[in-house]
Amino acid sequence: MDYRLLVKSLRLKEIVLMTGFSFAGVLFTPPDLWNDWLKNISVLFFVLIYVMAVYFLNSFADYESDVKSQRLEIIGTISKSKYISFFVVFCALFSSLAIYIDIKTFIFSISAMILWSLYYLPPLRLKSTYLIGTLVHFIAGIFHFHSGYCSFADYNESSLAISIYFALLLSVGHFHHELMDYEADKAAGNLTTAVRIGINKIQYLRTGLTLLTLIYWIVVFLMNYTSKEELLVFLVPTTLLLMMSALMKQNNVKKFQIISRALFLLAGFILLGIKITELAKNYF
């Protein structure tokens, strides 16, 4: 098998990017708690395996429609039965690591996986329920954040407030993915919110939710849940995301995705640099 095709079919690049919602939780814990290297490595593998399990579930559940989609047809390189096998194995792996790391990490991650199962699988298949699919993304986003956060610290009022910001971002991303998959979902009979209300209205929803996310992040800072540095690191990409959502049309969905991912990936690395600098000051 061509290993480049295998990497593409497993969507490894996208998986690595989506680990950011759990790693964001880690970045908002005090850096002086990152002193156990075995635990750090365990968390790294846990998050990666955890997100891979979600994507294997997605590929299994949407296999028939995805292989007909120009964007996702590469998924057909692997048989549908293999995806569900991968899902079961990786669930066992991430659960074992989560229990080793912290029981709260296990509870949050397994709760998110239950939500994703309800989202993708019959009989409920909440993906095709009006706006409920976005609500699933929002709640799962809070769980993803805390699966990382609780690997090092106990959840609290501050972590909940910050996690809601990232959950809102994930919900914005969900609206955008519905835009990207509009034609494929419509052809497959998937009654997503975008299919139900049309492209123009879903774009308005995406922009409105992005504006809410921006305002909310400022409120989080004013409530003293974040530092000035943390505010600025994510305020800039969220503002740019709002501008792109308002100005970019349907034919620019791929460009929107690439730019928005790059912006928040950069923000994550900047925050990591700030935290490492803080950590270094404790030793020198």
Protein backbone atom coordinates (compact mmCIF):
# COMPACT_ATOMS: atom_id res chain seq x y z
CA MET A 1 0.00 0.00 0.00
CA ASP A 2 1.13 3.54 -0.75
CA TYR A 3 1.83 4.95 2.73
CA ARG A 4 1.07 8.47 1.57
CA LEU A 5 -2.44 7.31 0.69
CA LEU A 6 -2.68 5.59 4.07
CA VAL A 7 -1.77 8.81 5.90
CA LYS A 8 -4.33 10.74 3.88
CA SER A 9 -7.06 8.14 4.41
CA LEU A 10 -6.48 8.18 8.17
CA ARG A 11 -6.61 12.02 8.05
CA LEU A 12 -3.58 12.23 10.32
CA LYS A 13 -2.86 15.89 9.55
CA GLU A 14 -6.40 16.85 10.54
CA ILE A 15 -6.23 14.66 13.64
CA VAL A 16 -3.03 16.35 14.82
CA LEU A 17 -4.66 19.77 14.42
CA MET A 18 -7.78 18.70 16.29
CA THR A 19 -5.72 17.58 19.28
CA GLY A 20 -5.42 21.30 19.97
CA PHE A 21 -8.73 21.39 21.85
CA SER A 22 -7.35 19.01 24.48
CA PHE A 23 -3.84 20.44 24.47
CA ALA A 24 -5.39 23.89 25.03
CA GLY A 25 -6.58 22.54 28.36
CA VAL A 26 -3.01 21.56 29.22
CA LEU A 27 -1.71 25.02 28.25
CA PHE A 28 -4.04 26.70 30.73
CA THR A 29 -2.73 24.68 33.68
CA PRO A 30 0.18 26.08 35.76
CA PRO A 31 3.47 25.15 33.99
CA ASP A 32 5.08 24.11 37.27
CA LEU A 33 2.77 21.07 37.21
CA TRP A 34 4.50 19.81 34.05
CA ASN A 35 7.44 18.31 35.91
CA ASP A 36 6.63 14.61 35.47
CA TRP A 37 8.03 13.60 32.07
CA LEU A 38 6.43 10.16 32.09
CA LYS A 39 3.05 11.78 32.66
CA ASN A 40 3.75 14.39 29.97
CA ILE A 41 4.50 11.68 27.41
CA SER A 42 1.43 9.71 28.51
CA VAL A 43 -0.78 12.79 28.03
CA LEU A 44 0.74 13.40 24.59
CA PHE A 45 -0.09 9.87 23.43
CA PHE A 46 -3.46 9.86 25.19
CA VAL A 47 -4.67 12.99 23.38
CA LEU A 48 -3.44 11.76 19.99
CA ILE A 49 -5.03 8.31 20.37
CA TYR A 50 -8.22 9.85 21.80
CA VAL A 51 -8.75 12.15 18.79
CA MET A 52 -7.83 9.36 16.37
CA ALA A 53 -10.60 7.23 17.90
CA VAL A 54 -13.11 10.03 17.21
CA TYR A 55 -12.02 10.23 13.58
CA PHE A 56 -12.18 6.46 13.12
CA LEU A 57 -15.76 6.57 14.40
CA ASN A 58 -16.50 9.40 11.97
CA SER A 59 -15.00 7.51 9.01
CA PHE A 60 -16.98 4.37 9.87
CA ALA A 61 -20.32 6.15 10.38
CA ASP A 62 -20.11 8.37 7.27
CA TYR A 63 -18.23 5.93 5.04
CA GLU A 64 -20.82 5.63 2.26
CA SER A 65 -21.32 9.38 1.84
CA ASP A 66 -17.65 10.30 2.38
CA VAL A 67 -16.33 8.03 -0.39
CA LYS A 68 -18.63 9.89 -2.80
CA SER A 69 -17.30 13.27 -1.65
CA GLN A 70 -14.43 14.85 -3.55
CA ARG A 71 -12.97 16.14 -0.27
CA LEU A 72 -13.12 12.82 1.60
CA GLU A 73 -13.08 10.11 -1.09
CA ILE A 74 -9.57 9.09 0.02
CA ILE A 75 -11.24 7.44 3.05
CA GLY A 76 -12.24 4.61 0.72
CA THR A 77 -8.60 3.48 0.61
CA ILE A 78 -9.40 1.53 3.79
CA SER A 79 -12.44 -0.73 4.19
CA LYS A 80 -15.29 0.35 6.43
CA SER A 81 -14.84 -2.67 8.73
CA LYS A 82 -11.24 -1.66 9.47
CA TYR A 83 -12.35 1.76 10.71
CA ILE A 84 -14.63 0.27 13.36
CA SER A 85 -11.86 -2.14 14.37
CA PHE A 86 -9.44 0.77 14.73
CA PHE A 87 -12.06 2.63 16.76
CA VAL A 88 -12.51 -0.20 19.27
CA VAL A 89 -8.75 -0.72 19.70
CA PHE A 90 -7.99 2.97 20.09
CA CYS A 91 -10.83 3.43 22.59
CA ALA A 92 -9.27 0.73 24.72
CA LEU A 93 -5.86 2.38 24.41
CA PHE A 94 -6.92 5.92 25.28
CA SER A 95 -9.12 4.68 28.14
CA SER A 96 -6.19 2.81 29.67
CA LEU A 97 -3.92 5.84 29.39
CA ALA A 98 -6.63 8.14 30.77
CA ILE A 99 -7.15 5.98 33.84
CA TYR A 100 -3.39 5.97 34.44
CA ILE A 101 -3.20 9.79 34.07
CA ASP A 102 -6.22 10.75 36.21
CA ILE A 103 -9.72 9.38 36.70
CA LYS A 104 -11.19 12.79 35.79
CA THR A 105 -9.36 12.64 32.46
CA PHE A 106 -11.01 9.28 31.82
CA ILE A 107 -14.48 10.56 32.79
CA PHE A 108 -14.28 13.61 30.52
CA SER A 109 -12.83 11.74 27.55
CA ILE A 110 -15.24 8.80 27.72
CA SER A 111 -18.17 11.22 28.15
CA ALA A 112 -17.12 13.00 24.96
CA MET A 113 -16.84 9.67 23.14
CA ILE A 114 -20.38 8.75 24.18
CA LEU A 115 -21.55 12.09 22.78
CA TRP A 116 -19.72 11.49 19.49
CA SER A 117 -21.30 8.04 19.26
CA LEU A 118 -24.77 9.57 19.67
CA TYR A 119 -23.82 12.19 17.07
CA TYR A 120 -22.62 9.76 14.39
CA LEU A 121 -24.44 6.48 14.95
CA PRO A 122 -28.09 5.39 14.63
CA PRO A 123 -30.68 5.30 15.98
CA LEU A 124 -30.28 8.92 17.15
CA ARG A 125 -27.58 10.09 14.70
CA LEU A 126 -27.77 13.62 16.11
CA LYS A 127 -25.71 14.86 13.17
CA SER A 128 -28.95 15.06 11.19
CA THR A 129 -30.94 16.86 13.89
CA TYR A 130 -31.46 20.61 13.50
CA LEU A 131 -28.81 22.51 15.54
CA ILE A 132 -28.38 19.58 17.93
CA GLY A 133 -25.23 18.55 16.10
CA THR A 134 -23.71 21.93 16.92
CA LEU A 135 -24.79 21.56 20.56
CA VAL A 136 -22.98 18.20 20.66
CA HIS A 137 -19.82 19.89 19.38
CA PHE A 138 -20.16 22.59 22.05
CA ILE A 139 -20.53 20.14 24.96
CA ALA A 140 -17.85 17.82 23.57
CA GLY A 141 -15.53 20.82 23.25
CA ILE A 142 -15.83 21.44 26.99
CA PHE A 143 -15.08 17.76 27.64
CA HIS A 144 -12.10 17.77 25.26
CA PHE A 145 -10.60 20.82 26.97
CA HIS A 146 -10.98 19.26 30.40
CA SER A 147 -9.58 15.92 29.30
CA GLY A 148 -6.32 17.84 28.90
CA TYR A 149 -6.78 20.24 31.80
CA CYS A 150 -7.60 17.56 34.36
CA SER A 151 -4.50 15.63 33.39
CA PHE A 152 -2.62 18.19 35.51
CA ALA A 153 -5.14 20.16 37.60
CA ASP A 154 -8.63 19.93 39.06
CA TYR A 155 -11.44 21.51 37.06
CA ASN A 156 -12.74 24.78 38.48
CA GLU A 157 -14.73 27.89 37.64
CA SER A 158 -11.86 29.32 35.64
CA SER A 159 -11.30 26.17 33.56
CA LEU A 160 -15.03 25.98 32.78
CA ALA A 161 -15.09 29.62 31.63
CA ILE A 162 -12.06 29.15 29.38
CA SER A 163 -13.31 25.81 28.02
CA ILE A 164 -16.54 27.46 26.85
CA TYR A 165 -14.48 29.75 24.60
CA PHE A 166 -12.83 26.76 22.91
CA ALA A 167 -16.16 24.94 22.75
CA LEU A 168 -17.61 27.94 20.90
CA LEU A 169 -14.67 27.81 18.47
CA LEU A 170 -15.34 24.12 17.85
CA SER A 171 -18.99 24.96 17.18
CA VAL A 172 -17.94 27.63 14.66
CA GLY A 173 -15.78 24.98 12.99
CA HIS A 174 -18.76 22.64 12.88
CA PHE A 175 -20.87 25.21 11.02
CA HIS A 176 -18.00 25.66 8.57
CA HIS A 177 -17.65 21.92 7.98
CA GLU A 178 -21.36 21.75 7.24
CA LEU A 179 -20.74 24.42 4.60
CA MET A 180 -17.86 22.42 3.14
CA ASP A 181 -19.90 19.20 3.04
CA TYR A 182 -23.18 20.81 1.97
CA GLU A 183 -23.41 19.20 -1.48
CA ALA A 184 -22.25 15.76 -0.30
CA ASP A 185 -24.61 15.79 2.69
CA LYS A 186 -27.51 16.93 0.54
CA ALA A 187 -26.87 14.19 -2.01
CA ALA A 188 -26.58 11.56 0.74
CA GLY A 189 -29.76 12.70 2.46
CA ASN A 190 -27.97 13.85 5.61
CA LEU A 191 -30.30 16.49 7.03
CA THR A 192 -27.64 18.64 8.65
CA THR A 193 -28.49 22.18 9.73
CA ALA A 194 -26.87 23.53 6.54
CA VAL A 195 -28.99 21.23 4.35
CA ARG A 196 -32.14 22.20 6.26
CA ILE A 197 -31.72 26.00 6.15
CA GLY A 198 -29.38 26.59 3.19
CA ILE A 199 -25.90 27.96 2.63
CA ASN A 200 -26.61 31.66 3.18
CA LYS A 201 -28.27 31.20 6.57
CA ILE A 202 -25.56 28.84 7.83
CA GLN A 203 -22.95 31.47 6.88
CA TYR A 204 -24.86 34.03 8.96
CA LEU A 205 -24.97 31.58 11.86
CA ARG A 206 -21.22 30.97 11.56
CA THR A 207 -20.49 34.71 11.59
CA GLY A 208 -22.89 35.39 14.47
CA LEU A 209 -21.39 32.60 16.56
CA THR A 210 -17.88 33.86 15.82
CA LEU A 211 -18.88 37.34 17.02
CA LEU A 212 -20.32 35.80 20.20
CA THR A 213 -17.05 33.90 20.71
CA LEU A 214 -15.01 37.09 20.39
CA ILE A 215 -17.20 38.98 22.87
CA TYR A 216 -17.19 36.03 25.25
CA TRP A 217 -13.37 35.83 25.26
CA ILE A 218 -13.16 39.50 26.25
CA VAL A 219 -15.68 38.88 29.06
CA VAL A 220 -13.58 35.93 30.29
CA PHE A 221 -10.62 38.31 30.61
CA LEU A 222 -12.69 41.00 32.34
CA MET A 223 -13.82 38.35 34.83
CA ASN A 224 -10.11 37.74 35.62
CA TYR A 225 -10.12 34.15 34.37
CA THR A 226 -7.25 34.78 31.93
CA SER A 227 -4.10 36.90 31.84
CA LYS A 228 -3.52 39.79 29.47
CA GLU A 229 -1.10 37.63 27.46
CA GLU A 230 -3.65 34.82 27.12
CA LEU A 231 -6.31 37.32 26.09
CA LEU A 232 -4.18 38.78 23.29
CA VAL A 233 -2.89 35.42 22.02
CA PHE A 234 -6.42 34.30 21.13
CA LEU A 235 -8.08 37.70 20.64
CA VAL A 236 -6.16 38.36 17.42
CA PRO A 237 -7.00 35.09 15.60
CA THR A 238 -10.63 35.24 16.78
CA THR A 239 -10.96 38.77 15.38
CA LEU A 240 -9.44 37.68 12.07
CA LEU A 241 -11.75 34.64 12.06
CA LEU A 242 -14.74 36.96 12.42
CA MET A 243 -13.57 39.12 9.52
CA MET A 244 -13.05 36.08 7.29
CA SER A 245 -16.43 34.63 8.20
CA ALA A 246 -18.17 37.88 7.32
CA LEU A 247 -16.29 38.52 4.09
CA MET A 248 -15.46 35.13 2.55
CA LYS A 249 -18.07 33.53 0.34
CA GLN A 250 -19.03 29.86 -0.12
CA ASN A 251 -16.42 29.30 -2.85
CA ASN A 252 -13.67 30.19 -0.36
CA VAL A 253 -14.47 27.51 2.22
CA LYS A 254 -11.16 25.68 1.76
CA LYS A 255 -9.14 28.89 2.10
CA PHE A 256 -11.14 29.80 5.22
CA GLN A 257 -10.29 26.43 6.76
CA ILE A 258 -6.58 26.63 5.95
CA ILE A 259 -6.14 30.19 7.24
CA SER A 260 -8.20 29.68 10.41
CA ARG A 261 -6.29 26.52 11.32
CA ALA A 262 -2.97 28.24 10.73
CA LEU A 263 -4.00 31.20 12.91
CA PHE A 264 -4.98 29.10 15.92
CA LEU A 265 -2.05 26.71 15.51
CA LEU A 266 0.25 29.73 15.68
CA ALA A 267 -1.64 31.06 18.71
CA GLY A 268 -1.20 27.72 20.45
CA PHE A 269 2.55 27.71 19.83
CA ILE A 270 2.84 31.31 21.05
CA LEU A 271 1.03 30.42 24.28
CA LEU A 272 3.24 27.33 24.66
CA GLY A 273 6.29 29.57 24.30
CA ILE A 274 4.96 31.90 26.99
CA LYS A 275 4.31 29.00 29.36
CA ILE A 276 7.74 27.46 28.76
CA THR A 277 9.32 30.85 29.47
CA GLU A 278 7.38 30.98 32.77
CA LEU A 279 8.53 27.48 33.59
CA ALA A 280 12.16 28.33 32.82
CA LYS A 281 12.04 31.31 35.22
CA ASN A 282 11.24 28.92 38.04
CA TYR A 283 14.51 27.08 37.45
CA PHE A 284 16.87 29.98 36.71
